[in-house]
Amino acid sequence: LCSEPSAKLLPIVLEDAFKLGFSRDRAKIE
């Protein structure tokens, strides 16, 4: 749950966090 602006921004942040911590594989990221 988050605010409406955060709902647009959060996927960008979590994509970056996923790249740093888990995988840079494009298919896995998507």
PDB file of all heavy atoms in Angstrom:
ATOM      1  N   LEU A   1       0.839  -1.194   0.000  1.00  0.00           N
ATOM      2  CA  LEU A   1       0.000   0.000   0.000  1.00  0.00           C
ATOM      3  C   LEU A   1       0.873   1.243   0.000  1.00  0.00           C
ATOM      4  O   LEU A   1       1.855   1.328   0.747  1.00  0.00           O
ATOM      5  CB  LEU A   1      -0.907   0.008   1.231  1.00  0.00           C
ATOM      6  CG  LEU A   1      -1.694  -1.277   1.521  1.00  0.00           C
ATOM      7  CD1 LEU A   1      -2.475  -1.142   2.820  1.00  0.00           C
ATOM      8  CD2 LEU A   1      -2.625  -1.608   0.375  1.00  0.00           C
ATOM      9  N   CYS A   2       0.530   2.226  -0.832  1.00  0.00           N
ATOM     10  CA  CYS A   2       1.293   3.473  -0.880  1.00  0.00           C
ATOM     11  C   CYS A   2       0.436   4.542  -1.524  1.00  0.00           C
ATOM     12  O   CYS A   2      -0.662   4.274  -2.027  1.00  0.00           O
ATOM     13  CB  CYS A   2       2.606   3.280  -1.647  1.00  0.00           C
ATOM     14  SG  CYS A   2       2.386   2.804  -3.375  1.00  0.00           S
ATOM     15  N   SER A   3       0.937   5.763  -1.538  1.00  0.00           N
ATOM     16  CA  SER A   3       0.214   6.864  -2.164  1.00  0.00           C
ATOM     17  C   SER A   3       0.226   6.708  -3.680  1.00  0.00           C
ATOM     18  O   SER A   3       0.986   5.921  -4.247  1.00  0.00           O
ATOM     19  CB  SER A   3       0.846   8.195  -1.777  1.00  0.00           C
ATOM     20  OG  SER A   3       2.101   8.344  -2.417  1.00  0.00           O
ATOM     21  N   GLU A   4      -0.596   7.498  -4.352  1.00  0.00           N
ATOM     22  CA  GLU A   4      -0.676   7.407  -5.814  1.00  0.00           C
ATOM     23  C   GLU A   4       0.635   7.810  -6.500  1.00  0.00           C
ATOM     24  O   GLU A   4       1.086   7.104  -7.413  1.00  0.00           O
ATOM     25  CB  GLU A   4      -1.852   8.254  -6.304  1.00  0.00           C
ATOM     26  CG  GLU A   4      -3.193   7.680  -5.894  1.00  0.00           C
ATOM     27  CD  GLU A   4      -4.369   8.609  -6.172  1.00  0.00           C
ATOM     28  OE1 GLU A   4      -4.264   9.810  -5.831  1.00  0.00           O
ATOM     29  OE2 GLU A   4      -5.368   8.132  -6.722  1.00  0.00           O
ATOM     30  N   PRO A   5       1.306   8.891  -6.089  1.00  0.00           N
ATOM     31  CA  PRO A   5       2.608   9.175  -6.704  1.00  0.00           C
ATOM     32  C   PRO A   5       3.637   8.077  -6.419  1.00  0.00           C
ATOM     33  O   PRO A   5       4.410   7.697  -7.308  1.00  0.00           O
ATOM     34  CB  PRO A   5       3.025  10.511  -6.072  1.00  0.00           C
ATOM     35  CG  PRO A   5       1.753  11.138  -5.647  1.00  0.00           C
ATOM     36  CD  PRO A   5       0.878  10.007  -5.206  1.00  0.00           C
ATOM     37  N   SER A   6       3.651   7.562  -5.194  1.00  0.00           N
ATOM     38  CA  SER A   6       4.608   6.503  -4.862  1.00  0.00           C
ATOM     39  C   SER A   6       4.365   5.253  -5.694  1.00  0.00           C
ATOM     40  O   SER A   6       5.311   4.523  -6.017  1.00  0.00           O
ATOM     41  CB  SER A   6       4.527   6.154  -3.368  1.00  0.00           C
ATOM     42  OG  SER A   6       5.061   7.195  -2.576  1.00  0.00           O
ATOM     43  N   ALA A   7       3.115   4.998  -6.056  1.00  0.00           N
ATOM     44  CA  ALA A   7       2.807   3.819  -6.877  1.00  0.00           C
ATOM     45  C   ALA A   7       3.490   3.914  -8.235  1.00  0.00           C
ATOM     46  O   ALA A   7       3.839   2.884  -8.829  1.00  0.00           O
ATOM     47  CB  ALA A   7       1.298   3.697  -7.048  1.00  0.00           C
ATOM     48  N   LYS A   8       3.700   5.133  -8.710  1.00  0.00           N
ATOM     49  CA  LYS A   8       4.396   5.315  -9.992  1.00  0.00           C
ATOM     50  C   LYS A   8       5.910   5.263  -9.827  1.00  0.00           C
ATOM     51  O   LYS A   8       6.635   4.801 -10.723  1.00  0.00           O
ATOM     52  CB  LYS A   8       3.980   6.654 -10.604  1.00  0.00           C
ATOM     53  CG  LYS A   8       4.471   6.872 -12.028  1.00  0.00           C
ATOM     54  CD  LYS A   8       3.923   8.157 -12.589  1.00  0.00           C
ATOM     55  CE  LYS A   8       4.317   8.343 -14.064  1.00  0.00           C
ATOM     56  NZ  LYS A   8       3.634   7.397 -14.953  1.00  0.00           N
ATOM     57  N   LEU A   9       6.390   5.715  -8.678  1.00  0.00           N
ATOM     58  CA  LEU A   9       7.831   5.801  -8.450  1.00  0.00           C
ATOM     59  C   LEU A   9       8.425   4.501  -7.905  1.00  0.00           C
ATOM     60  O   LEU A   9       9.599   4.194  -8.162  1.00  0.00           O
ATOM     61  CB  LEU A   9       8.123   6.945  -7.467  1.00  0.00           C
ATOM     62  CG  LEU A   9       7.693   8.341  -7.903  1.00  0.00           C
ATOM     63  CD1 LEU A   9       7.790   9.314  -6.734  1.00  0.00           C
ATOM     64  CD2 LEU A   9       8.526   8.825  -9.076  1.00  0.00           C
ATOM     65  N   LEU A  10       7.642   3.752  -7.138  1.00  0.00           N
ATOM     66  CA  LEU A  10       8.171   2.576  -6.450  1.00  0.00           C
ATOM     67  C   LEU A  10       8.738   1.516  -7.394  1.00  0.00           C
ATOM     68  O   LEU A  10       9.822   0.973  -7.113  1.00  0.00           O
ATOM     69  CB  LEU A  10       7.091   1.975  -5.552  1.00  0.00           C
ATOM     70  CG  LEU A  10       7.511   0.798  -4.667  1.00  0.00           C
ATOM     71  CD1 LEU A  10       8.664   1.172  -3.746  1.00  0.00           C
ATOM     72  CD2 LEU A  10       6.321   0.287  -3.845  1.00  0.00           C
ATOM     73  N   PRO A  11       8.082   1.180  -8.499  1.00  0.00           N
ATOM     74  CA  PRO A  11       8.687   0.179  -9.395  1.00  0.00           C
ATOM     75  C   PRO A  11      10.062   0.573  -9.913  1.00  0.00           C
ATOM     76  O   PRO A  11      10.923  -0.293 -10.118  1.00  0.00           O
ATOM     77  CB  PRO A  11       7.660   0.073 -10.535  1.00  0.00           C
ATOM     78  CG  PRO A  11       6.361   0.457  -9.911  1.00  0.00           C
ATOM     79  CD  PRO A  11       6.725   1.551  -8.940  1.00  0.00           C
ATOM     80  N   ILE A  12      10.294   1.869 -10.119  1.00  0.00           N
ATOM     81  CA  ILE A  12      11.609   2.322 -10.589  1.00  0.00           C
ATOM     82  C   ILE A  12      12.665   2.040  -9.525  1.00  0.00           C
ATOM     83  O   ILE A  12      13.753   1.552  -9.811  1.00  0.00           O
ATOM     84  CB  ILE A  12      11.564   3.817 -10.930  1.00  0.00           C
ATOM     85  CG1 ILE A  12      10.491   4.111 -11.975  1.00  0.00           C
ATOM     86  CG2 ILE A  12      12.936   4.287 -11.432  1.00  0.00           C
ATOM     87  CD1 ILE A  12      10.296   5.605 -12.259  1.00  0.00           C
ATOM     88  N   VAL A  13      12.345   2.363  -8.267  1.00  0.00           N
ATOM     89  CA  VAL A  13      13.277   2.126  -7.161  1.00  0.00           C
ATOM     90  C   VAL A  13      13.549   0.631  -7.002  1.00  0.00           C
ATOM     91  O   VAL A  13      14.699   0.204  -6.851  1.00  0.00           O
ATOM     92  CB  VAL A  13      12.703   2.697  -5.844  1.00  0.00           C
ATOM     93  CG1 VAL A  13      13.618   2.359  -4.676  1.00  0.00           C
ATOM     94  CG2 VAL A  13      12.535   4.191  -5.947  1.00  0.00           C
ATOM     95  N   LEU A  14      12.494  -0.169  -7.032  1.00  0.00           N
ATOM     96  CA  LEU A  14      12.660  -1.595  -6.774  1.00  0.00           C
ATOM     97  C   LEU A  14      13.349  -2.310  -7.930  1.00  0.00           C
ATOM     98  O   LEU A  14      14.039  -3.305  -7.724  1.00  0.00           O
ATOM     99  CB  LEU A  14      11.303  -2.232  -6.478  1.00  0.00           C
ATOM    100  CG  LEU A  14      10.636  -1.740  -5.183  1.00  0.00           C
ATOM    101  CD1 LEU A  14       9.363  -2.521  -4.916  1.00  0.00           C
ATOM    102  CD2 LEU A  14      11.588  -1.855  -3.995  1.00  0.00           C
ATOM    103  N   GLU A  15      13.186  -1.796  -9.136  1.00  0.00           N
ATOM    104  CA  GLU A  15      13.935  -2.356 -10.266  1.00  0.00           C
ATOM    105  C   GLU A  15      15.431  -2.171 -10.044  1.00  0.00           C
ATOM    106  O   GLU A  15      16.230  -3.087 -10.249  1.00  0.00           O
ATOM    107  CB  GLU A  15      13.509  -1.691 -11.571  1.00  0.00           C
ATOM    108  CG  GLU A  15      14.309  -2.175 -12.779  1.00  0.00           C
ATOM    109  CD  GLU A  15      13.902  -1.490 -14.067  1.00  0.00           C
ATOM    110  OE1 GLU A  15      12.774  -0.946 -14.132  1.00  0.00           O
ATOM    111  OE2 GLU A  15      14.713  -1.485 -15.011  1.00  0.00           O
ATOM    112  N   ASP A  16      15.800  -0.983  -9.594  1.00  0.00           N
ATOM    113  CA  ASP A  16      17.213  -0.707  -9.325  1.00  0.00           C
ATOM    114  C   ASP A  16      17.718  -1.573  -8.176  1.00  0.00           C
ATOM    115  O   ASP A  16      18.825  -2.119  -8.241  1.00  0.00           O
ATOM    116  CB  ASP A  16      17.383   0.778  -8.996  1.00  0.00           C
ATOM    117  CG  ASP A  16      18.834   1.204  -8.945  1.00  0.00           C
ATOM    118  OD1 ASP A  16      19.528   1.094  -9.966  1.00  0.00           O
ATOM    119  OD2 ASP A  16      19.284   1.630  -7.867  1.00  0.00           O
ATOM    120  N   ALA A  17      16.915  -1.714  -7.113  1.00  0.00           N
ATOM    121  CA  ALA A  17      17.314  -2.544  -5.981  1.00  0.00           C
ATOM    122  C   ALA A  17      17.461  -4.010  -6.397  1.00  0.00           C
ATOM    123  O   ALA A  17      18.371  -4.711  -5.937  1.00  0.00           O
ATOM    124  CB  ALA A  17      16.291  -2.417  -4.860  1.00  0.00           C
ATOM    125  N   PHE A  18      16.578  -4.465  -7.264  1.00  0.00           N
ATOM    126  CA  PHE A  18      16.648  -5.853  -7.740  1.00  0.00           C
ATOM    127  C   PHE A  18      17.921  -6.074  -8.556  1.00  0.00           C
ATOM    128  O   PHE A  18      18.598  -7.099  -8.421  1.00  0.00           O
ATOM    129  CB  PHE A  18      15.410  -6.169  -8.582  1.00  0.00           C
ATOM    130  CG  PHE A  18      15.296  -7.621  -8.994  1.00  0.00           C
ATOM    131  CD1 PHE A  18      14.757  -8.547  -8.118  1.00  0.00           C
ATOM    132  CD2 PHE A  18      15.723  -8.042 -10.241  1.00  0.00           C
ATOM    133  CE1 PHE A  18      14.648  -9.885  -8.487  1.00  0.00           C
ATOM    134  CE2 PHE A  18      15.617  -9.362 -10.624  1.00  0.00           C
ATOM    135  CZ  PHE A  18      15.081 -10.287  -9.738  1.00  0.00           C
ATOM    136  N   LYS A  19      18.273  -5.104  -9.403  1.00  0.00           N
ATOM    137  CA  LYS A  19      19.492  -5.212 -10.200  1.00  0.00           C
ATOM    138  C   LYS A  19      20.724  -5.315  -9.309  1.00  0.00           C
ATOM    139  O   LYS A  19      21.644  -6.090  -9.568  1.00  0.00           O
ATOM    140  CB  LYS A  19      19.637  -3.999 -11.120  1.00  0.00           C
ATOM    141  CG  LYS A  19      18.674  -3.952 -12.287  1.00  0.00           C
ATOM    142  CD  LYS A  19      18.890  -2.676 -13.073  1.00  0.00           C
ATOM    143  CE  LYS A  19      17.923  -2.526 -14.217  1.00  0.00           C
ATOM    144  NZ  LYS A  19      18.107  -1.234 -14.924  1.00  0.00           N
ATOM    145  N   LEU A  20      20.749  -4.504  -8.248  1.00  0.00           N
ATOM    146  CA  LEU A  20      21.918  -4.478  -7.369  1.00  0.00           C
ATOM    147  C   LEU A  20      22.016  -5.733  -6.507  1.00  0.00           C
ATOM    148  O   LEU A  20      23.115  -6.202  -6.229  1.00  0.00           O
ATOM    149  CB  LEU A  20      21.859  -3.235  -6.468  1.00  0.00           C
ATOM    150  CG  LEU A  20      22.021  -1.888  -7.171  1.00  0.00           C
ATOM    151  CD1 LEU A  20      21.810  -0.744  -6.183  1.00  0.00           C
ATOM    152  CD2 LEU A  20      23.394  -1.778  -7.817  1.00  0.00           C
ATOM    153  N   GLY A  21      20.872  -6.270  -6.072  1.00  0.00           N
ATOM    154  CA  GLY A  21      20.907  -7.355  -5.108  1.00  0.00           C
ATOM    155  C   GLY A  21      20.669  -8.735  -5.643  1.00  0.00           C
ATOM    156  O   GLY A  21      21.048  -9.725  -5.006  1.00  0.00           O
ATOM    157  N   PHE A  22      20.029  -8.841  -6.834  1.00  0.00           N
ATOM    158  CA  PHE A  22      19.617 -10.156  -7.297  1.00  0.00           C
ATOM    159  C   PHE A  22      20.123 -10.500  -8.699  1.00  0.00           C
ATOM    160  O   PHE A  22      20.888 -11.443  -8.871  1.00  0.00           O
ATOM    161  CB  PHE A  22      18.080 -10.267  -7.248  1.00  0.00           C
ATOM    162  CG  PHE A  22      17.529 -10.366  -5.852  1.00  0.00           C
ATOM    163  CD1 PHE A  22      17.285  -9.215  -5.120  1.00  0.00           C
ATOM    164  CD2 PHE A  22      17.279 -11.583  -5.263  1.00  0.00           C
ATOM    165  CE1 PHE A  22      16.786  -9.290  -3.827  1.00  0.00           C
ATOM    166  CE2 PHE A  22      16.781 -11.671  -3.979  1.00  0.00           C
ATOM    167  CZ  PHE A  22      16.538 -10.522  -3.256  1.00  0.00           C
ATOM    168  N   SER A  23      19.684  -9.756  -9.696  1.00  0.00           N
ATOM    169  CA  SER A  23      20.025 -10.146 -11.061  1.00  0.00           C
ATOM    170  C   SER A  23      19.895  -8.965 -12.007  1.00  0.00           C
ATOM    171  O   SER A  23      19.041  -8.086 -11.804  1.00  0.00           O
ATOM    172  CB  SER A  23      19.102 -11.277 -11.533  1.00  0.00           C
ATOM    173  OG  SER A  23      19.301 -11.561 -12.904  1.00  0.00           O
ATOM    174  N   ARG A  24      20.730  -8.942 -13.042  1.00  0.00           N
ATOM    175  CA  ARG A  24      20.606  -7.950 -14.101  1.00  0.00           C
ATOM    176  C   ARG A  24      20.010  -8.563 -15.363  1.00  0.00           C
ATOM    177  O   ARG A  24      19.957  -7.904 -16.411  1.00  0.00           O
ATOM    178  CB  ARG A  24      21.976  -7.341 -14.419  1.00  0.00           C
ATOM    179  CG  ARG A  24      22.492  -6.427 -13.312  1.00  0.00           C
ATOM    180  CD  ARG A  24      23.751  -5.703 -13.714  1.00  0.00           C
ATOM    181  NE  ARG A  24      24.144  -4.710 -12.724  1.00  0.00           N
ATOM    182  CZ  ARG A  24      23.732  -3.447 -12.714  1.00  0.00           C
ATOM    183  NH1 ARG A  24      22.902  -3.035 -13.658  1.00  0.00           N
ATOM    184  NH2 ARG A  24      24.128  -2.610 -11.793  1.00  0.00           N
ATOM    185  N   ASP A  25      19.546  -9.799 -15.262  1.00  0.00           N
ATOM    186  CA  ASP A  25      18.903 -10.458 -16.390  1.00  0.00           C
ATOM    187  C   ASP A  25      17.584  -9.736 -16.706  1.00  0.00           C
ATOM    188  O   ASP A  25      16.705  -9.633 -15.844  1.00  0.00           O
ATOM    189  CB  ASP A  25      18.648 -11.927 -16.062  1.00  0.00           C
ATOM    190  CG  ASP A  25      17.996 -12.662 -17.219  1.00  0.00           C
ATOM    191  OD1 ASP A  25      18.713 -13.113 -18.124  1.00  0.00           O
ATOM    192  OD2 ASP A  25      16.750 -12.766 -17.214  1.00  0.00           O
ATOM    193  N   ARG A  26      17.451  -9.253 -17.943  1.00  0.00           N
ATOM    194  CA  ARG A  26      16.308  -8.427 -18.310  1.00  0.00           C
ATOM    195  C   ARG A  26      14.983  -9.148 -18.105  1.00  0.00           C
ATOM    196  O   ARG A  26      14.005  -8.570 -17.610  1.00  0.00           O
ATOM    197  CB  ARG A  26      16.453  -7.998 -19.769  1.00  0.00           C
ATOM    198  CG  ARG A  26      15.473  -6.936 -20.222  1.00  0.00           C
ATOM    199  CD  ARG A  26      15.738  -5.618 -19.528  1.00  0.00           C
ATOM    200  NE  ARG A  26      14.602  -5.192 -18.730  1.00  0.00           N
ATOM    201  CZ  ARG A  26      14.620  -4.185 -17.902  1.00  0.00           C
ATOM    202  NH1 ARG A  26      15.725  -3.485 -17.725  1.00  0.00           N
ATOM    203  NH2 ARG A  26      13.561  -3.849 -17.207  1.00  0.00           N
ATOM    204  N   ALA A  27      14.927 -10.418 -18.492  1.00  0.00           N
ATOM    205  CA  ALA A  27      13.684 -11.181 -18.372  1.00  0.00           C
ATOM    206  C   ALA A  27      13.280 -11.335 -16.912  1.00  0.00           C
ATOM    207  O   ALA A  27      12.099 -11.187 -16.559  1.00  0.00           O
ATOM    208  CB  ALA A  27      13.829 -12.552 -19.034  1.00  0.00           C
ATOM    209  N   LYS A  28      14.251 -11.602 -16.040  1.00  0.00           N
ATOM    210  CA  LYS A  28      13.954 -11.744 -14.611  1.00  0.00           C
ATOM    211  C   LYS A  28      13.514 -10.418 -14.007  1.00  0.00           C
ATOM    212  O   LYS A  28      12.608 -10.377 -13.169  1.00  0.00           O
ATOM    213  CB  LYS A  28      15.179 -12.284 -13.873  1.00  0.00           C
ATOM    214  CG  LYS A  28      15.526 -13.732 -14.200  1.00  0.00           C
ATOM    215  CD  LYS A  28      16.732 -14.208 -13.402  1.00  0.00           C
ATOM    216  CE  LYS A  28      17.062 -15.661 -13.727  1.00  0.00           C
ATOM    217  NZ  LYS A  28      18.252 -16.137 -12.969  1.00  0.00           N
ATOM    218  N   ILE A  29      14.154  -9.336 -14.443  1.00  0.00           N
ATOM    219  CA  ILE A  29      13.787  -8.016 -13.932  1.00  0.00           C
ATOM    220  C   ILE A  29      12.350  -7.684 -14.307  1.00  0.00           C
ATOM    221  O   ILE A  29      11.557  -7.233 -13.476  1.00  0.00           O
ATOM    222  CB  ILE A  29      14.752  -6.946 -14.467  1.00  0.00           C
ATOM    223  CG1 ILE A  29      16.155  -7.155 -13.886  1.00  0.00           C
ATOM    224  CG2 ILE A  29      14.242  -5.543 -14.141  1.00  0.00           C
ATOM    225  CD1 ILE A  29      17.216  -6.286 -14.526  1.00  0.00           C
ATOM    226  N   GLU A  30      11.997  -7.903 -15.574  1.00  0.00           N
ATOM    227  CA  GLU A  30      10.645  -7.595 -16.028  1.00  0.00           C
ATOM    228  C   GLU A  30       9.611  -8.449 -15.306  1.00  0.00           C
ATOM    229  O   GLU A  30       8.528  -7.962 -14.948  1.00  0.00           O
ATOM    230  CB  GLU A  30      10.553  -7.798 -17.538  1.00  0.00           C
ATOM    231  CG  GLU A  30      11.336  -6.751 -18.335  1.00  0.00           C
ATOM    232  CD  GLU A  30      11.296  -7.005 -19.824  1.00  0.00           C
ATOM    233  OE1 GLU A  30      10.713  -8.035 -20.237  1.00  0.00           O
ATOM    234  OE2 GLU A  30      11.848  -6.190 -20.581  1.00  0.00           O
TER     235      GLU A  30
END
